C-alpha atoms as a PDB file:
ATOM      1  CA  MET A   1     -22.239  -1.838  25.585  1.00  0.00           C
ATOM      2  CA  GLU A   2     -21.172  -4.544  23.178  1.00  0.00           C
ATOM      3  CA  THR A   3     -17.697  -4.671  21.708  1.00  0.00           C
ATOM      4  CA  MET A   4     -17.423  -3.815  18.035  1.00  0.00           C
ATOM      5  CA  SER A   5     -14.843  -5.255  15.666  1.00  0.00           C
ATOM      6  CA  LYS A   6     -13.282  -3.420  12.738  1.00  0.00           C
ATOM      7  CA  TYR A   7     -13.755  -4.582   9.164  1.00  0.00           C
ATOM      8  CA  LEU A   8     -12.318  -3.433   5.867  1.00  0.00           C
ATOM      9  CA  VAL A   9     -14.761  -3.709   2.956  1.00  0.00           C
ATOM     10  CA  LEU A  10     -13.487  -3.323  -0.606  1.00  0.00           C
ATOM     11  CA  GLY A  11     -14.943  -3.819  -4.035  1.00  0.00           C
ATOM     12  CA  GLY A  12     -15.863  -2.367  -7.369  1.00  0.00           C
ATOM     13  CA  TYR A  13     -18.836  -0.732  -9.052  1.00  0.00           C
ATOM     14  CA  SER A  14     -20.543  -2.344 -12.035  1.00  0.00           C
ATOM     15  CA  PRO A  15     -20.411  -0.512 -15.391  1.00  0.00           C
ATOM     16  CA  GLU A  16     -24.112   0.308 -14.974  1.00  0.00           C
ATOM     17  CA  SER A  17     -23.426   1.820 -11.542  1.00  0.00           C
ATOM     18  CA  TRP A  18     -20.684   4.041 -12.979  1.00  0.00           C
ATOM     19  CA  THR A  19     -23.066   5.240 -15.701  1.00  0.00           C
ATOM     20  CA  ARG A  20     -25.800   6.004 -13.172  1.00  0.00           C
ATOM     21  CA  MET A  21     -23.403   7.820 -10.833  1.00  0.00           C
ATOM     22  CA  MET A  22     -22.074   9.974 -13.678  1.00  0.00           C
ATOM     23  CA  GLU A  23     -25.648  10.932 -14.583  1.00  0.00           C
ATOM     24  CA  ASN A  24     -26.733  11.465 -10.955  1.00  0.00           C
ATOM     25  CA  PRO A  25     -23.775  11.362  -8.531  1.00  0.00           C
ATOM     26  CA  GLY A  26     -25.717  11.501  -5.253  1.00  0.00           C
ATOM     27  CA  ASP A  27     -24.005  10.864  -1.931  1.00  0.00           C
ATOM     28  CA  ARG A  28     -22.676   7.294  -1.929  1.00  0.00           C
ATOM     29  CA  GLU A  29     -21.129   7.783   1.508  1.00  0.00           C
ATOM     30  CA  ALA A  30     -24.534   8.545   3.055  1.00  0.00           C
ATOM     31  CA  ALA A  31     -26.097   5.518   1.361  1.00  0.00           C
ATOM     32  CA  VAL A  32     -23.347   3.209   2.604  1.00  0.00           C
ATOM     33  CA  ARG A  33     -23.492   4.710   6.111  1.00  0.00           C
ATOM     34  CA  LYS A  34     -27.225   3.927   6.275  1.00  0.00           C
ATOM     35  CA  SER A  35     -26.593   0.340   5.164  1.00  0.00           C
ATOM     36  CA  CYS A  36     -24.028  -0.032   7.975  1.00  0.00           C
ATOM     37  CA  GLN A  37     -26.534   1.294  10.484  1.00  0.00           C
ATOM     38  CA  ASP A  38     -29.172  -1.150   9.204  1.00  0.00           C
ATOM     39  CA  VAL A  39     -27.102  -3.982  10.721  1.00  0.00           C
ATOM     40  CA  ASP A  40     -26.062  -2.035  13.865  1.00  0.00           C
ATOM     41  CA  GLY A  41     -22.698  -1.048  12.407  1.00  0.00           C
ATOM     42  CA  THR A  42     -20.951   2.297  12.176  1.00  0.00           C
ATOM     43  CA  MET A  43     -18.917   3.595   9.277  1.00  0.00           C
ATOM     44  CA  GLU A  44     -15.581   5.114  10.240  1.00  0.00           C
ATOM     45  CA  ALA A  45     -14.348   6.036   6.767  1.00  0.00           C
ATOM     46  CA  PHE A  46     -15.362   5.724   3.119  1.00  0.00           C
ATOM     47  CA  TYR A  47     -12.932   6.353   0.271  1.00  0.00           C
ATOM     48  CA  TRP A  48     -13.136   6.182  -3.478  1.00  0.00           C
ATOM     49  CA  ALA A  49     -10.163   4.365  -4.930  1.00  0.00           C
ATOM     50  CA  PHE A  50      -8.639   3.625  -8.281  1.00  0.00           C
ATOM     51  CA  GLY A  51      -6.776   0.542  -9.288  1.00  0.00           C
ATOM     52  CA  GLU A  52      -8.046  -2.883  -8.329  1.00  0.00           C
ATOM     53  CA  ASP A  53     -10.854  -1.506  -6.126  1.00  0.00           C
ATOM     54  CA  ASP A  54     -13.285   1.368  -6.627  1.00  0.00           C
ATOM     55  CA  TYR A  55     -14.076   1.948  -2.956  1.00  0.00           C
ATOM     56  CA  VAL A  56     -12.644   1.184   0.475  1.00  0.00           C
ATOM     57  CA  LEU A  57     -14.741   1.254   3.618  1.00  0.00           C
ATOM     58  CA  LEU A  58     -13.661   0.995   7.248  1.00  0.00           C
ATOM     59  CA  ALA A  59     -16.520   0.046   9.554  1.00  0.00           C
ATOM     60  CA  ASP A  60     -17.313  -1.380  12.969  1.00  0.00           C
ATOM     61  CA  PHE A  61     -19.844  -4.193  13.313  1.00  0.00           C
ATOM     62  CA  PRO A  62     -21.013  -5.993  16.449  1.00  0.00           C
ATOM     63  CA  ASP A  63     -20.232  -9.449  15.020  1.00  0.00           C
ATOM     64  CA  ASP A  64     -19.241 -11.405  11.930  1.00  0.00           C
ATOM     65  CA  VAL A  65     -22.873 -12.129  11.027  1.00  0.00           C
ATOM     66  CA  SER A  66     -23.655  -8.402  10.864  1.00  0.00           C
ATOM     67  CA  ALA A  67     -20.535  -7.700   8.793  1.00  0.00           C
ATOM     68  CA  GLY A  68     -21.398 -10.573   6.478  1.00  0.00           C
ATOM     69  CA  ALA A  69     -25.004  -9.421   6.143  1.00  0.00           C
ATOM     70  CA  PHE A  70     -23.778  -5.949   5.211  1.00  0.00           C
ATOM     71  CA  SER A  71     -21.503  -7.329   2.480  1.00  0.00           C
ATOM     72  CA  VAL A  72     -24.068  -9.795   1.146  1.00  0.00           C
ATOM     73  CA  GLY A  73     -26.705  -7.065   1.099  1.00  0.00           C
ATOM     74  CA  LEU A  74     -24.453  -4.777  -0.925  1.00  0.00           C
ATOM     75  CA  ALA A  75     -23.293  -7.518  -3.285  1.00  0.00           C
ATOM     76  CA  SER A  76     -26.847  -8.759  -3.917  1.00  0.00           C
ATOM     77  CA  SER A  77     -27.835  -5.347  -5.284  1.00  0.00           C
ATOM     78  CA  GLY A  78     -25.977  -6.068  -8.523  1.00  0.00           C
ATOM     79  CA  ALA A  79     -24.459  -2.576  -8.337  1.00  0.00           C
ATOM     80  CA  LEU A  80     -21.115  -3.877  -7.055  1.00  0.00           C
ATOM     81  CA  HIS A  81     -18.677  -6.651  -7.833  1.00  0.00           C
ATOM     82  CA  ASP A  82     -15.824  -8.378  -6.035  1.00  0.00           C
ATOM     83  CA  VAL A  83     -17.073  -7.280  -2.605  1.00  0.00           C
ATOM     84  CA  ARG A  84     -14.562  -8.445  -0.007  1.00  0.00           C
ATOM     85  CA  THR A  85     -14.843  -8.124   3.744  1.00  0.00           C
ATOM     86  CA  ILE A  86     -11.740  -8.451   5.898  1.00  0.00           C
ATOM     87  CA  LYS A  87     -11.932  -8.636   9.676  1.00  0.00           C
ATOM     88  CA  LEU A  88      -9.167  -6.533  11.191  1.00  0.00           C
ATOM     89  CA  ILE A  89      -7.437  -7.386  14.447  1.00  0.00           C
ATOM     90  CA  THR A  90      -5.589  -5.218  16.935  1.00  0.00           C
ATOM     91  CA  LYS A  91      -1.854  -5.483  17.529  1.00  0.00           C
ATOM     92  CA  GLU A  92      -2.642  -7.214  20.840  1.00  0.00           C
ATOM     93  CA  GLU A  93      -4.803  -9.783  19.060  1.00  0.00           C
ATOM     94  CA  GLY A  94      -2.042 -10.229  16.496  1.00  0.00           C
ATOM     95  CA  GLN A  95       0.487 -10.933  19.243  1.00  0.00           C
ATOM     96  CA  ALA A  96      -1.861 -13.466  20.866  1.00  0.00           C
ATOM     97  CA  LEU A  97      -2.334 -15.084  17.453  1.00  0.00           C
ATOM     98  CA  LEU A  98       1.430 -15.397  16.999  1.00  0.00           C
ATOM     99  CA  ASN A  99       1.859 -16.885  20.475  1.00  0.00           C
ATOM    100  CA  LYS A 100      -0.826 -19.509  19.856  1.00  0.00           C
ATOM    101  CA  GLY A 101       0.561 -20.133  16.382  1.00  0.00           C
ATOM    102  CA  LYS A 102       3.940 -20.933  17.922  1.00  0.00           C
ATOM    103  CA  THR A 103       2.277 -23.708  19.946  1.00  0.00           C
ATOM    104  CA  VAL A 104       0.597 -25.134  16.846  1.00  0.00           C
ATOM    105  CA  ALA A 105       3.827 -24.959  14.823  1.00  0.00           C
ATOM    106  CA  ALA A 106       5.756 -26.815  17.534  1.00  0.00           C
ATOM    107  CA  GLY A 107       3.333 -29.751  17.511  1.00  0.00           C
ATOM    108  CA  TYR A 108       2.400 -29.892  13.819  1.00  0.00           C
ATOM    109  CA  GLN A 109       3.566 -32.918  11.861  1.00  0.00           C
ATOM    110  CA  LYS A 110       4.278 -32.137   8.208  1.00  0.00           C
ATOM    111  CA  PRO A 111       2.869 -34.474   5.569  1.00  0.00           C
ATOM    112  CA  GLY A 112       5.204 -37.397   4.997  1.00  0.00           C
ATOM    113  CA  ALA A 113       7.218 -36.675   8.139  1.00  0.00           C
END
């Protein structure tokens, strides 16, 4: 079984999409879930949002290419805008990142130094 990574996908609906959804709401969660599955991903959660983003999606994908393909596929539809995909890391990965970052910081020479 391959390891899946978590991704946060956020974005907004186009004005035309809002108009269409008001006329025929449908089940956006089911549509997005299918798109995740099309690239071997699984959707953990889908939320509508208000403010800067119209939706927030938490999903697992087998790799960055699959996550990117999902986002590009959605964005290319023209129904969405400002689609952003953020790879999430575990607290253990975050700690490893900080430890390696400490090594880089110790050896980095600032410009003009």
